[in-house]
Amino acid sequence: LLFGRGWCGYACWTAMVLDFLPYKKPQAARKKIGFIRYITF
C-alpha cells in the first residue's frame, strides 16, 4: 500500500539471481499465461 512491488525489485532472493541473467530487457511480447501463478498459489 506504501511501496507497491518494491519487494520484487529490491529484496526478493529469487529475483536477486534472475536479474543477473542476460535478458534484462524482455526480448518478446508478454505471454498470456499469468494464470499459472494462481495454480502455484
PDB file of all heavy atoms in Angstrom:
ATOM      1  N   LEU A   1       0.835  -1.200   0.000  1.00  0.00           N
ATOM      2  CA  LEU A   1       0.000   0.000   0.000  1.00  0.00           C
ATOM      3  C   LEU A   1       0.872   1.252   0.000  1.00  0.00           C
ATOM      4  O   LEU A   1       0.466   2.293  -0.506  1.00  0.00           O
ATOM      5  CB  LEU A   1      -0.913   0.017   1.238  1.00  0.00           C
ATOM      6  CG  LEU A   1      -2.089  -0.961   1.227  1.00  0.00           C
ATOM      7  CD1 LEU A   1      -2.746  -0.993   2.588  1.00  0.00           C
ATOM      8  CD2 LEU A   1      -3.102  -0.579   0.154  1.00  0.00           C
ATOM      9  N   LEU A   2       2.072   1.119   0.540  1.00  0.00           N
ATOM     10  CA  LEU A   2       3.006   2.243   0.571  1.00  0.00           C
ATOM     11  C   LEU A   2       3.996   2.184  -0.577  1.00  0.00           C
ATOM     12  O   LEU A   2       4.127   3.143  -1.348  1.00  0.00           O
ATOM     13  CB  LEU A   2       3.773   2.256   1.899  1.00  0.00           C
ATOM     14  CG  LEU A   2       4.898   3.295   2.031  1.00  0.00           C
ATOM     15  CD1 LEU A   2       4.330   4.709   1.907  1.00  0.00           C
ATOM     16  CD2 LEU A   2       5.634   3.119   3.341  1.00  0.00           C
ATOM     17  N   PHE A   3       4.699   1.034  -0.723  1.00  0.00           N
ATOM     18  CA  PHE A   3       5.782   0.956  -1.705  1.00  0.00           C
ATOM     19  C   PHE A   3       5.547  -0.052  -2.825  1.00  0.00           C
ATOM     20  O   PHE A   3       6.482  -0.467  -3.506  1.00  0.00           O
ATOM     21  CB  PHE A   3       7.116   0.651  -1.008  1.00  0.00           C
ATOM     22  CG  PHE A   3       7.048  -0.479  -0.008  1.00  0.00           C
ATOM     23  CD1 PHE A   3       6.984  -1.795  -0.410  1.00  0.00           C
ATOM     24  CD2 PHE A   3       7.070  -0.199   1.349  1.00  0.00           C
ATOM     25  CE1 PHE A   3       6.935  -2.822   0.522  1.00  0.00           C
ATOM     26  CE2 PHE A   3       7.026  -1.226   2.286  1.00  0.00           C
ATOM     27  CZ  PHE A   3       6.959  -2.543   1.870  1.00  0.00           C
ATOM     28  N   GLY A   4       4.292  -0.410  -3.076  1.00  0.00           N
ATOM     29  CA  GLY A   4       3.969  -1.269  -4.208  1.00  0.00           C
ATOM     30  C   GLY A   4       4.762  -2.566  -4.242  1.00  0.00           C
ATOM     31  O   GLY A   4       4.942  -3.229  -3.224  1.00  0.00           O
ATOM     32  N   ARG A   5       5.261  -2.895  -5.435  1.00  0.00           N
ATOM     33  CA  ARG A   5       6.004  -4.134  -5.608  1.00  0.00           C
ATOM     34  C   ARG A   5       7.503  -3.941  -5.348  1.00  0.00           C
ATOM     35  O   ARG A   5       8.336  -4.620  -5.944  1.00  0.00           O
ATOM     36  CB  ARG A   5       5.798  -4.660  -7.041  1.00  0.00           C
ATOM     37  CG  ARG A   5       4.379  -5.130  -7.360  1.00  0.00           C
ATOM     38  CD  ARG A   5       4.158  -6.568  -6.943  1.00  0.00           C
ATOM     39  NE  ARG A   5       4.955  -7.479  -7.722  1.00  0.00           N
ATOM     40  CZ  ARG A   5       4.568  -8.023  -8.877  1.00  0.00           C
ATOM     41  NH1 ARG A   5       3.388  -7.706  -9.387  1.00  0.00           N
ATOM     42  NH2 ARG A   5       5.337  -8.877  -9.533  1.00  0.00           N
ATOM     43  N   GLY A   6       7.833  -3.006  -4.462  1.00  0.00           N
ATOM     44  CA  GLY A   6       9.230  -2.759  -4.159  1.00  0.00           C
ATOM     45  C   GLY A   6       9.954  -3.996  -3.670  1.00  0.00           C
ATOM     46  O   GLY A   6      11.155  -4.163  -3.899  1.00  0.00           O
ATOM     47  N   TRP A   7       9.216  -4.889  -3.000  1.00  0.00           N
ATOM     48  CA  TRP A   7       9.810  -6.152  -2.548  1.00  0.00           C
ATOM     49  C   TRP A   7      10.447  -6.886  -3.719  1.00  0.00           C
ATOM     50  O   TRP A   7      11.575  -7.371  -3.625  1.00  0.00           O
ATOM     51  CB  TRP A   7       8.744  -7.037  -1.893  1.00  0.00           C
ATOM     52  CG  TRP A   7       9.108  -8.489  -1.904  1.00  0.00           C
ATOM     53  CD1 TRP A   7       8.720  -9.441  -2.810  1.00  0.00           C
ATOM     54  CD2 TRP A   7      10.005  -9.153  -1.003  1.00  0.00           C
ATOM     55  NE1 TRP A   7       9.298 -10.652  -2.527  1.00  0.00           N
ATOM     56  CE2 TRP A   7      10.090 -10.497  -1.423  1.00  0.00           C
ATOM     57  CE3 TRP A   7      10.729  -8.736   0.111  1.00  0.00           C
ATOM     58  CZ2 TRP A   7      10.876 -11.437  -0.762  1.00  0.00           C
ATOM     59  CZ3 TRP A   7      11.510  -9.674   0.775  1.00  0.00           C
ATOM     60  CH2 TRP A   7      11.586 -10.993   0.343  1.00  0.00           C
ATOM     61  N   CYS A   8       9.716  -6.962  -4.830  1.00  0.00           N
ATOM     62  CA  CYS A   8      10.189  -7.706  -6.004  1.00  0.00           C
ATOM     63  C   CYS A   8      11.450  -7.086  -6.601  1.00  0.00           C
ATOM     64  O   CYS A   8      12.281  -7.791  -7.168  1.00  0.00           O
ATOM     65  CB  CYS A   8       9.095  -7.756  -7.065  1.00  0.00           C
ATOM     66  SG  CYS A   8       7.540  -8.448  -6.485  1.00  0.00           S
ATOM     67  N   GLY A   9      11.566  -5.791  -6.489  1.00  0.00           N
ATOM     68  CA  GLY A   9      12.698  -5.122  -7.110  1.00  0.00           C
ATOM     69  C   GLY A   9      13.931  -5.029  -6.242  1.00  0.00           C
ATOM     70  O   GLY A   9      15.046  -4.933  -6.761  1.00  0.00           O
ATOM     71  N   TYR A  10      13.743  -5.101  -4.919  1.00  0.00           N
ATOM     72  CA  TYR A  10      14.868  -4.808  -4.030  1.00  0.00           C
ATOM     73  C   TYR A  10      15.180  -5.886  -2.993  1.00  0.00           C
ATOM     74  O   TYR A  10      16.214  -5.805  -2.329  1.00  0.00           O
ATOM     75  CB  TYR A  10      14.610  -3.491  -3.283  1.00  0.00           C
ATOM     76  CG  TYR A  10      14.602  -2.295  -4.188  1.00  0.00           C
ATOM     77  CD1 TYR A  10      13.473  -1.959  -4.932  1.00  0.00           C
ATOM     78  CD2 TYR A  10      15.735  -1.506  -4.347  1.00  0.00           C
ATOM     79  CE1 TYR A  10      13.466  -0.870  -5.781  1.00  0.00           C
ATOM     80  CE2 TYR A  10      15.738  -0.409  -5.183  1.00  0.00           C
ATOM     81  CZ  TYR A  10      14.598  -0.095  -5.905  1.00  0.00           C
ATOM     82  OH  TYR A  10      14.597   0.976  -6.758  1.00  0.00           O
ATOM     83  N   ALA A  11      14.311  -6.862  -2.802  1.00  0.00           N
ATOM     84  CA  ALA A  11      14.544  -7.801  -1.698  1.00  0.00           C
ATOM     85  C   ALA A  11      14.366  -9.275  -2.036  1.00  0.00           C
ATOM     86  O   ALA A  11      14.868 -10.119  -1.308  1.00  0.00           O
ATOM     87  CB  ALA A  11      13.625  -7.436  -0.529  1.00  0.00           C
ATOM     88  N   CYS A  12      13.658  -9.585  -3.094  1.00  0.00           N
ATOM     89  CA  CYS A  12      13.377 -10.988  -3.415  1.00  0.00           C
ATOM     90  C   CYS A  12      14.657 -11.742  -3.765  1.00  0.00           C
ATOM     91  O   CYS A  12      15.391 -11.366  -4.674  1.00  0.00           O
ATOM     92  CB  CYS A  12      12.398 -11.072  -4.577  1.00  0.00           C
ATOM     93  SG  CYS A  12      12.084 -12.779  -5.116  1.00  0.00           S
ATOM     94  N   TRP A  13      14.926 -12.833  -3.056  1.00  0.00           N
ATOM     95  CA  TRP A  13      16.168 -13.579  -3.289  1.00  0.00           C
ATOM     96  C   TRP A  13      16.092 -14.439  -4.550  1.00  0.00           C
ATOM     97  O   TRP A  13      17.126 -14.850  -5.065  1.00  0.00           O
ATOM     98  CB  TRP A  13      16.517 -14.432  -2.067  1.00  0.00           C
ATOM     99  CG  TRP A  13      15.449 -15.383  -1.629  1.00  0.00           C
ATOM    100  CD1 TRP A  13      15.213 -16.642  -2.094  1.00  0.00           C
ATOM    101  CD2 TRP A  13      14.465 -15.144  -0.625  1.00  0.00           C
ATOM    102  NE1 TRP A  13      14.151 -17.205  -1.445  1.00  0.00           N
ATOM    103  CE2 TRP A  13      13.663 -16.301  -0.532  1.00  0.00           C
ATOM    104  CE3 TRP A  13      14.177 -14.063   0.213  1.00  0.00           C
ATOM    105  CZ2 TRP A  13      12.596 -16.429   0.358  1.00  0.00           C
ATOM    106  CZ3 TRP A  13      13.108 -14.185   1.098  1.00  0.00           C
ATOM    107  CH2 TRP A  13      12.340 -15.338   1.172  1.00  0.00           C
ATOM    108  N   THR A  14      14.904 -14.705  -5.049  1.00  0.00           N
ATOM    109  CA  THR A  14      14.793 -15.406  -6.329  1.00  0.00           C
ATOM    110  C   THR A  14      15.155 -14.450  -7.466  1.00  0.00           C
ATOM    111  O   THR A  14      15.999 -14.754  -8.310  1.00  0.00           O
ATOM    112  CB  THR A  14      13.359 -15.941  -6.550  1.00  0.00           C
ATOM    113  OG1 THR A  14      13.000 -16.801  -5.460  1.00  0.00           O
ATOM    114  CG2 THR A  14      13.273 -16.730  -7.856  1.00  0.00           C
ATOM    115  N   ALA A  15      14.538 -13.283  -7.466  1.00  0.00           N
ATOM    116  CA  ALA A  15      14.830 -12.271  -8.493  1.00  0.00           C
ATOM    117  C   ALA A  15      16.263 -11.785  -8.393  1.00  0.00           C
ATOM    118  O   ALA A  15      16.856 -11.379  -9.393  1.00  0.00           O
ATOM    119  CB  ALA A  15      13.864 -11.104  -8.356  1.00  0.00           C
ATOM    120  N   MET A  16      16.828 -11.846  -7.195  1.00  0.00           N
ATOM    121  CA  MET A  16      18.214 -11.435  -6.985  1.00  0.00           C
ATOM    122  C   MET A  16      19.153 -12.182  -7.931  1.00  0.00           C
ATOM    123  O   MET A  16      20.086 -11.604  -8.497  1.00  0.00           O
ATOM    124  CB  MET A  16      18.613 -11.712  -5.532  1.00  0.00           C
ATOM    125  CG  MET A  16      20.071 -11.522  -5.188  1.00  0.00           C
ATOM    126  SD  MET A  16      20.424 -12.054  -3.487  1.00  0.00           S
ATOM    127  CE  MET A  16      20.313 -13.856  -3.668  1.00  0.00           C
ATOM    128  N   VAL A  17      18.873 -13.462  -8.111  1.00  0.00           N
ATOM    129  CA  VAL A  17      19.681 -14.298  -9.007  1.00  0.00           C
ATOM    130  C   VAL A  17      19.253 -14.100 -10.463  1.00  0.00           C
ATOM    131  O   VAL A  17      20.079 -13.928 -11.356  1.00  0.00           O
ATOM    132  CB  VAL A  17      19.571 -15.783  -8.624  1.00  0.00           C
ATOM    133  CG1 VAL A  17      20.234 -16.667  -9.680  1.00  0.00           C
ATOM    134  CG2 VAL A  17      20.218 -16.026  -7.264  1.00  0.00           C
ATOM    135  N   LEU A  18      17.947 -14.092 -10.700  1.00  0.00           N
ATOM    136  CA  LEU A  18      17.428 -13.979 -12.065  1.00  0.00           C
ATOM    137  C   LEU A  18      17.840 -12.669 -12.735  1.00  0.00           C
ATOM    138  O   LEU A  18      18.047 -12.629 -13.955  1.00  0.00           O
ATOM    139  CB  LEU A  18      15.901 -14.103 -12.060  1.00  0.00           C
ATOM    140  CG  LEU A  18      15.332 -15.419 -11.529  1.00  0.00           C
ATOM    141  CD1 LEU A  18      13.807 -15.401 -11.577  1.00  0.00           C
ATOM    142  CD2 LEU A  18      15.880 -16.607 -12.320  1.00  0.00           C
ATOM    143  N   ASP A  19      17.980 -11.612 -11.960  1.00  0.00           N
ATOM    144  CA  ASP A  19      18.350 -10.317 -12.534  1.00  0.00           C
ATOM    145  C   ASP A  19      19.786 -10.269 -13.043  1.00  0.00           C
ATOM    146  O   ASP A  19      20.172  -9.315 -13.723  1.00  0.00           O
ATOM    147  CB  ASP A  19      18.124  -9.199 -11.506  1.00  0.00           C
ATOM    148  CG  ASP A  19      16.694  -8.697 -11.491  1.00  0.00           C
ATOM    149  OD1 ASP A  19      15.917  -9.114 -12.362  1.00  0.00           O
ATOM    150  OD2 ASP A  19      16.344  -7.895 -10.604  1.00  0.00           O
ATOM    151  N   PHE A  20      20.579 -11.289 -12.718  1.00  0.00           N
ATOM    152  CA  PHE A  20      21.942 -11.349 -13.234  1.00  0.00           C
ATOM    153  C   PHE A  20      22.010 -12.075 -14.582  1.00  0.00           C
ATOM    154  O   PHE A  20      23.065 -12.110 -15.208  1.00  0.00           O
ATOM    155  CB  PHE A  20      22.869 -12.054 -12.228  1.00  0.00           C
ATOM    156  CG  PHE A  20      23.301 -11.177 -11.093  1.00  0.00           C
ATOM    157  CD1 PHE A  20      22.706 -11.290  -9.843  1.00  0.00           C
ATOM    158  CD2 PHE A  20      24.287 -10.210 -11.277  1.00  0.00           C
ATOM    159  CE1 PHE A  20      23.099 -10.467  -8.792  1.00  0.00           C
ATOM    160  CE2 PHE A  20      24.677  -9.384 -10.234  1.00  0.00           C
ATOM    161  CZ  PHE A  20      24.084  -9.516  -8.991  1.00  0.00           C
ATOM    162  N   LEU A  21      20.901 -12.631 -15.022  1.00  0.00           N
ATOM    163  CA  LEU A  21      20.851 -13.313 -16.322  1.00  0.00           C
ATOM    164  C   LEU A  21      20.871 -12.273 -17.446  1.00  0.00           C
ATOM    165  O   LEU A  21      20.636 -11.085 -17.209  1.00  0.00           O
ATOM    166  CB  LEU A  21      19.605 -14.201 -16.388  1.00  0.00           C
ATOM    167  CG  LEU A  21      19.563 -15.319 -15.332  1.00  0.00           C
ATOM    168  CD1 LEU A  21      18.262 -16.121 -15.452  1.00  0.00           C
ATOM    169  CD2 LEU A  21      20.758 -16.253 -15.455  1.00  0.00           C
ATOM    170  N   PRO A  22      21.112 -12.691 -18.676  1.00  0.00           N
ATOM    171  CA  PRO A  22      21.361 -11.724 -19.769  1.00  0.00           C
ATOM    172  C   PRO A  22      20.161 -10.970 -20.317  1.00  0.00           C
ATOM    173  O   PRO A  22      20.332  -9.975 -21.014  1.00  0.00           O
ATOM    174  CB  PRO A  22      21.991 -12.600 -20.862  1.00  0.00           C
ATOM    175  CG  PRO A  22      21.480 -13.975 -20.593  1.00  0.00           C
ATOM    176  CD  PRO A  22      21.393 -14.079 -19.112  1.00  0.00           C
ATOM    177  N   TYR A  23      18.923 -11.405 -20.008  1.00  0.00           N
ATOM    178  CA  TYR A  23      17.756 -10.791 -20.648  1.00  0.00           C
ATOM    179  C   TYR A  23      17.082  -9.775 -19.734  1.00  0.00           C
ATOM    180  O   TYR A  23      15.930  -9.937 -19.327  1.00  0.00           O
ATOM    181  CB  TYR A  23      16.770 -11.873 -21.074  1.00  0.00           C
ATOM    182  CG  TYR A  23      17.394 -12.886 -21.999  1.00  0.00           C
ATOM    183  CD1 TYR A  23      17.641 -14.186 -21.556  1.00  0.00           C
ATOM    184  CD2 TYR A  23      17.767 -12.540 -23.294  1.00  0.00           C
ATOM    185  CE1 TYR A  23      18.230 -15.122 -22.399  1.00  0.00           C
ATOM    186  CE2 TYR A  23      18.353 -13.470 -24.140  1.00  0.00           C
ATOM    187  CZ  TYR A  23      18.585 -14.758 -23.686  1.00  0.00           C
ATOM    188  OH  TYR A  23      19.170 -15.672 -24.514  1.00  0.00           O
ATOM    189  N   LYS A  24      17.800  -8.705 -19.430  1.00  0.00           N
ATOM    190  CA  LYS A  24      17.284  -7.672 -18.531  1.00  0.00           C
ATOM    191  C   LYS A  24      16.147  -6.886 -19.175  1.00  0.00           C
ATOM    192  O   LYS A  24      15.263  -6.378 -18.495  1.00  0.00           O
ATOM    193  CB  LYS A  24      18.422  -6.742 -18.114  1.00  0.00           C
ATOM    194  CG  LYS A  24      19.495  -7.459 -17.294  1.00  0.00           C
ATOM    195  CD  LYS A  24      20.707  -6.578 -17.061  1.00  0.00           C
ATOM    196  CE  LYS A  24      21.738  -7.301 -16.201  1.00  0.00           C
ATOM    197  NZ  LYS A  24      22.205  -8.571 -16.795  1.00  0.00           N
ATOM    198  N   LYS A  25      16.181  -6.769 -20.495  1.00  0.00           N
ATOM    199  CA  LYS A  25      15.093  -6.163 -21.241  1.00  0.00           C
ATOM    200  C   LYS A  25      14.338  -7.293 -21.938  1.00  0.00           C
ATOM    201  O   LYS A  25      14.947  -8.064 -22.689  1.00  0.00           O
ATOM    202  CB  LYS A  25      15.631  -5.183 -22.292  1.00  0.00           C
ATOM    203  CG  LYS A  25      16.468  -4.048 -21.722  1.00  0.00           C
ATOM    204  CD  LYS A  25      17.033  -3.197 -22.842  1.00  0.00           C
ATOM    205  CE  LYS A  25      17.968  -2.116 -22.310  1.00  0.00           C
ATOM    206  NZ  LYS A  25      18.564  -1.302 -23.411  1.00  0.00           N
ATOM    207  N   PRO A  26      13.042  -7.440 -21.708  1.00  0.00           N
ATOM    208  CA  PRO A  26      12.274  -8.507 -22.359  1.00  0.00           C
ATOM    209  C   PRO A  26      12.440  -8.457 -23.875  1.00  0.00           C
ATOM    210  O   PRO A  26      12.298  -7.398 -24.487  1.00  0.00           O
ATOM    211  CB  PRO A  26      10.835  -8.201 -21.951  1.00  0.00           C
ATOM    212  CG  PRO A  26      10.963  -7.432 -20.680  1.00  0.00           C
ATOM    213  CD  PRO A  26      12.210  -6.604 -20.834  1.00  0.00           C
ATOM    214  N   GLN A  27      12.763  -9.605 -24.463  1.00  0.00           N
ATOM    215  CA  GLN A  27      13.022  -9.663 -25.899  1.00  0.00           C
ATOM    216  C   GLN A  27      11.799 -10.028 -26.724  1.00  0.00           C
ATOM    217  O   GLN A  27      11.847 -10.046 -27.951  1.00  0.00           O
ATOM    218  CB  GLN A  27      14.135 -10.692 -26.168  1.00  0.00           C
ATOM    219  CG  GLN A  27      15.436 -10.410 -25.421  1.00  0.00           C
ATOM    220  CD  GLN A  27      16.077  -9.106 -25.855  1.00  0.00           C
ATOM    221  OE1 GLN A  27      16.340  -8.895 -27.029  1.00  0.00           O
ATOM    222  NE2 GLN A  27      16.326  -8.223 -24.895  1.00  0.00           N
ATOM    223  N   ALA A  28      10.702 -10.373 -26.051  1.00  0.00           N
ATOM    224  CA  ALA A  28       9.492 -10.774 -26.772  1.00  0.00           C
ATOM    225  C   ALA A  28       8.261 -10.240 -26.046  1.00  0.00           C
ATOM    226  O   ALA A  28       8.341  -9.789 -24.901  1.00  0.00           O
ATOM    227  CB  ALA A  28       9.431 -12.296 -26.876  1.00  0.00           C
ATOM    228  N   ALA A  29       7.116 -10.291 -26.716  1.00  0.00           N
ATOM    229  CA  ALA A  29       5.868  -9.813 -26.124  1.00  0.00           C
ATOM    230  C   ALA A  29       5.491 -10.682 -24.930  1.00  0.00           C
ATOM    231  O   ALA A  29       5.823 -11.869 -24.871  1.00  0.00           O
ATOM    232  CB  ALA A  29       4.757  -9.853 -27.174  1.00  0.00           C
ATOM    233  N   ARG A  30       4.808 -10.098 -24.002  1.00  0.00           N
ATOM    234  CA  ARG A  30       4.398 -10.817 -22.792  1.00  0.00           C
ATOM    235  C   ARG A  30       3.415 -11.927 -23.134  1.00  0.00           C
ATOM    236  O   ARG A  30       2.493 -11.737 -23.935  1.00  0.00           O
ATOM    237  CB  ARG A  30       3.770  -9.839 -21.809  1.00  0.00           C
ATOM    238  CG  ARG A  30       3.498 -10.431 -20.446  1.00  0.00           C
ATOM    239  CD  ARG A  30       3.203  -9.332 -19.459  1.00  0.00           C
ATOM    240  NE  ARG A  30       2.891  -9.892 -18.152  1.00  0.00           N
ATOM    241  CZ  ARG A  30       3.261  -9.344 -17.008  1.00  0.00           C
ATOM    242  NH1 ARG A  30       3.985  -8.241 -17.029  1.00  0.00           N
ATOM    243  NH2 ARG A  30       2.935  -9.872 -15.865  1.00  0.00           N
ATOM    244  N   LYS A  31       3.603 -13.093 -22.531  1.00  0.00           N
ATOM    245  CA  LYS A  31       2.740 -14.245 -22.788  1.00  0.00           C
ATOM    246  C   LYS A  31       1.466 -14.163 -21.939  1.00  0.00           C
ATOM    247  O   LYS A  31       1.463 -13.574 -20.860  1.00  0.00           O
ATOM    248  CB  LYS A  31       3.475 -15.549 -22.472  1.00  0.00           C
ATOM    249  CG  LYS A  31       4.898 -15.631 -23.017  1.00  0.00           C
ATOM    250  CD  LYS A  31       4.946 -15.578 -24.524  1.00  0.00           C
ATOM    251  CE  LYS A  31       6.384 -15.645 -25.016  1.00  0.00           C
ATOM    252  NZ  LYS A  31       6.502 -15.505 -26.478  1.00  0.00           N
ATOM    253  N   LYS A  32       0.421 -14.781 -22.411  1.00  0.00           N
ATOM    254  CA  LYS A  32      -0.845 -14.779 -21.677  1.00  0.00           C
ATOM    255  C   LYS A  32      -0.989 -16.056 -20.848  1.00  0.00           C
ATOM    256  O   LYS A  32      -1.952 -16.814 -20.993  1.00  0.00           O
ATOM    257  CB  LYS A  32      -2.008 -14.627 -22.656  1.00  0.00           C
ATOM    258  CG  LYS A  32      -2.013 -13.289 -23.383  1.00  0.00           C
ATOM    259  CD  LYS A  32      -3.200 -13.151 -24.309  1.00  0.00           C
ATOM    260  CE  LYS A  32      -3.189 -11.795 -25.006  1.00  0.00           C
ATOM    261  NZ  LYS A  32      -4.355 -11.627 -25.924  1.00  0.00           N
ATOM    262  N   ILE A  33      -0.022 -16.285 -19.981  1.00  0.00           N
ATOM    263  CA  ILE A  33      -0.045 -17.492 -19.147  1.00  0.00           C
ATOM    264  C   ILE A  33       0.100 -17.133 -17.666  1.00  0.00           C
ATOM    265  O   ILE A  33       0.537 -17.950 -16.853  1.00  0.00           O
ATOM    266  CB  ILE A  33       1.063 -18.489 -19.567  1.00  0.00           C
ATOM    267  CG1 ILE A  33       2.445 -17.806 -19.551  1.00  0.00           C
ATOM    268  CG2 ILE A  33       0.770 -19.076 -20.929  1.00  0.00           C
ATOM    269  CD1 ILE A  33       3.593 -18.760 -19.815  1.00  0.00           C
ATOM    270  N   GLY A  34      -0.299 -15.922 -17.328  1.00  0.00           N
ATOM    271  CA  GLY A  34      -0.194 -15.476 -15.945  1.00  0.00           C
ATOM    272  C   GLY A  34      -1.067 -16.267 -14.991  1.00  0.00           C
ATOM    273  O   GLY A  34      -0.865 -16.212 -13.771  1.00  0.00           O
ATOM    274  N   PHE A  35      -2.023 -17.033 -15.536  1.00  0.00           N
ATOM    275  CA  PHE A  35      -2.920 -17.844 -14.692  1.00  0.00           C
ATOM    276  C   PHE A  35      -2.150 -18.909 -13.912  1.00  0.00           C
ATOM    277  O   PHE A  35      -2.634 -19.422 -12.892  1.00  0.00           O
ATOM    278  CB  PHE A  35      -3.995 -18.517 -15.551  1.00  0.00           C
ATOM    279  CG  PHE A  35      -3.453 -19.515 -16.540  1.00  0.00           C
ATOM    280  CD1 PHE A  35      -3.285 -20.848 -16.173  1.00  0.00           C
ATOM    281  CD2 PHE A  35      -3.104 -19.134 -17.824  1.00  0.00           C
ATOM    282  CE1 PHE A  35      -2.777 -21.782 -17.075  1.00  0.00           C
ATOM    283  CE2 PHE A  35      -2.591 -20.053 -18.727  1.00  0.00           C
ATOM    284  CZ  PHE A  35      -2.427 -21.375 -18.357  1.00  0.00           C
ATOM    285  N   ILE A  36      -0.945 -19.243 -14.371  1.00  0.00           N
ATOM    286  CA  ILE A  36      -0.163 -20.292 -13.711  1.00  0.00           C
ATOM    287  C   ILE A  36       0.153 -19.899 -12.272  1.00  0.00           C
ATOM    288  O   ILE A  36       0.227 -20.749 -11.383  1.00  0.00           O
ATOM    289  CB  ILE A  36       1.139 -20.578 -14.488  1.00  0.00           C
ATOM    290  CG1 ILE A  36       0.812 -21.080 -15.895  1.00  0.00           C
ATOM    291  CG2 ILE A  36       2.005 -21.606 -13.759  1.00  0.00           C
ATOM    292  CD1 ILE A  36       2.033 -21.312 -16.764  1.00  0.00           C
ATOM    293  N   ARG A  37       0.334 -18.606 -12.017  1.00  0.00           N
ATOM    294  CA  ARG A  37       0.648 -18.148 -10.659  1.00  0.00           C
ATOM    295  C   ARG A  37      -0.456 -18.529  -9.680  1.00  0.00           C
ATOM    296  O   ARG A  37      -0.185 -18.776  -8.496  1.00  0.00           O
ATOM    297  CB  ARG A  37       0.904 -16.649 -10.653  1.00  0.00           C
ATOM    298  CG  ARG A  37      -0.306 -15.804 -10.879  1.00  0.00           C
ATOM    299  CD  ARG A  37       0.024 -14.321 -10.876  1.00  0.00           C
ATOM    300  NE  ARG A  37       0.597 -13.887 -12.133  1.00  0.00           N
ATOM    301  CZ  ARG A  37       1.032 -12.658 -12.358  1.00  0.00           C
ATOM    302  NH1 ARG A  37       0.982 -11.758 -11.392  1.00  0.00           N
ATOM    303  NH2 ARG A  37       1.521 -12.318 -13.522  1.00  0.00           N
ATOM    304  N   TYR A  38      -1.705 -18.561 -10.159  1.00  0.00           N
ATOM    305  CA  TYR A  38      -2.820 -18.940  -9.292  1.00  0.00           C
ATOM    306  C   TYR A  38      -2.778 -20.432  -8.967  1.00  0.00           C
ATOM    307  O   TYR A  38      -3.200 -20.859  -7.890  1.00  0.00           O
ATOM    308  CB  TYR A  38      -4.148 -18.578  -9.964  1.00  0.00           C
ATOM    309  CG  TYR A  38      -4.327 -17.086 -10.122  1.00  0.00           C
ATOM    310  CD1 TYR A  38      -3.993 -16.449 -11.320  1.00  0.00           C
ATOM    311  CD2 TYR A  38      -4.807 -16.303  -9.076  1.00  0.00           C
ATOM    312  CE1 TYR A  38      -4.132 -15.070 -11.464  1.00  0.00           C
ATOM    313  CE2 TYR A  38      -4.960 -14.930  -9.206  1.00  0.00           C
ATOM    314  CZ  TYR A  38      -4.613 -14.323 -10.405  1.00  0.00           C
ATOM    315  OH  TYR A  38      -4.753 -12.959 -10.537  1.00  0.00           O
ATOM    316  N   ILE A  39      -2.265 -21.198  -9.900  1.00  0.00           N
ATOM    317  CA  ILE A  39      -2.109 -22.636  -9.673  1.00  0.00           C
ATOM    318  C   ILE A  39      -1.041 -22.893  -8.618  1.00  0.00           C
ATOM    319  O   ILE A  39      -1.229 -23.700  -7.697  1.00  0.00           O
ATOM    320  CB  ILE A  39      -1.763 -23.363 -10.991  1.00  0.00           C
ATOM    321  CG1 ILE A  39      -2.908 -23.213 -11.995  1.00  0.00           C
ATOM    322  CG2 ILE A  39      -1.462 -24.838 -10.738  1.00  0.00           C
ATOM    323  CD1 ILE A  39      -2.617 -23.786 -13.374  1.00  0.00           C
ATOM    324  N   THR A  40       0.105 -22.219  -8.739  1.00  0.00           N
ATOM    325  CA  THR A  40       1.175 -22.401  -7.750  1.00  0.00           C
ATOM    326  C   THR A  40       0.741 -21.876  -6.380  1.00  0.00           C
ATOM    327  O   THR A  40       1.111 -22.435  -5.345  1.00  0.00           O
ATOM    328  CB  THR A  40       2.470 -21.694  -8.194  1.00  0.00           C
ATOM    329  OG1 THR A  40       2.194 -20.319  -8.489  1.00  0.00           O
ATOM    330  CG2 THR A  40       3.044 -22.358  -9.438  1.00  0.00           C
ATOM    331  N   PHE A  41      -0.062 -20.819  -6.371  1.00  0.00           N
ATOM    332  CA  PHE A  41      -0.590 -20.278  -5.121  1.00  0.00           C
ATOM    333  C   PHE A  41      -1.489 -21.313  -4.447  1.00  0.00           C
ATOM    334  O   PHE A  41      -1.358 -21.586  -3.243  1.00  0.00           O
ATOM    335  CB  PHE A  41      -1.383 -19.003  -5.414  1.00  0.00           C
ATOM    336  CG  PHE A  41      -1.943 -18.318  -4.194  1.00  0.00           C
ATOM    337  CD1 PHE A  41      -1.181 -17.401  -3.486  1.00  0.00           C
ATOM    338  CD2 PHE A  41      -3.237 -18.571  -3.768  1.00  0.00           C
ATOM    339  CE1 PHE A  41      -1.696 -16.757  -2.366  1.00  0.00           C
ATOM    340  CE2 PHE A  41      -3.760 -17.935  -2.651  1.00  0.00           C
ATOM    341  CZ  PHE A  41      -2.993 -17.028  -1.951  1.00  0.00           C
TER     342      PHE A  41
END
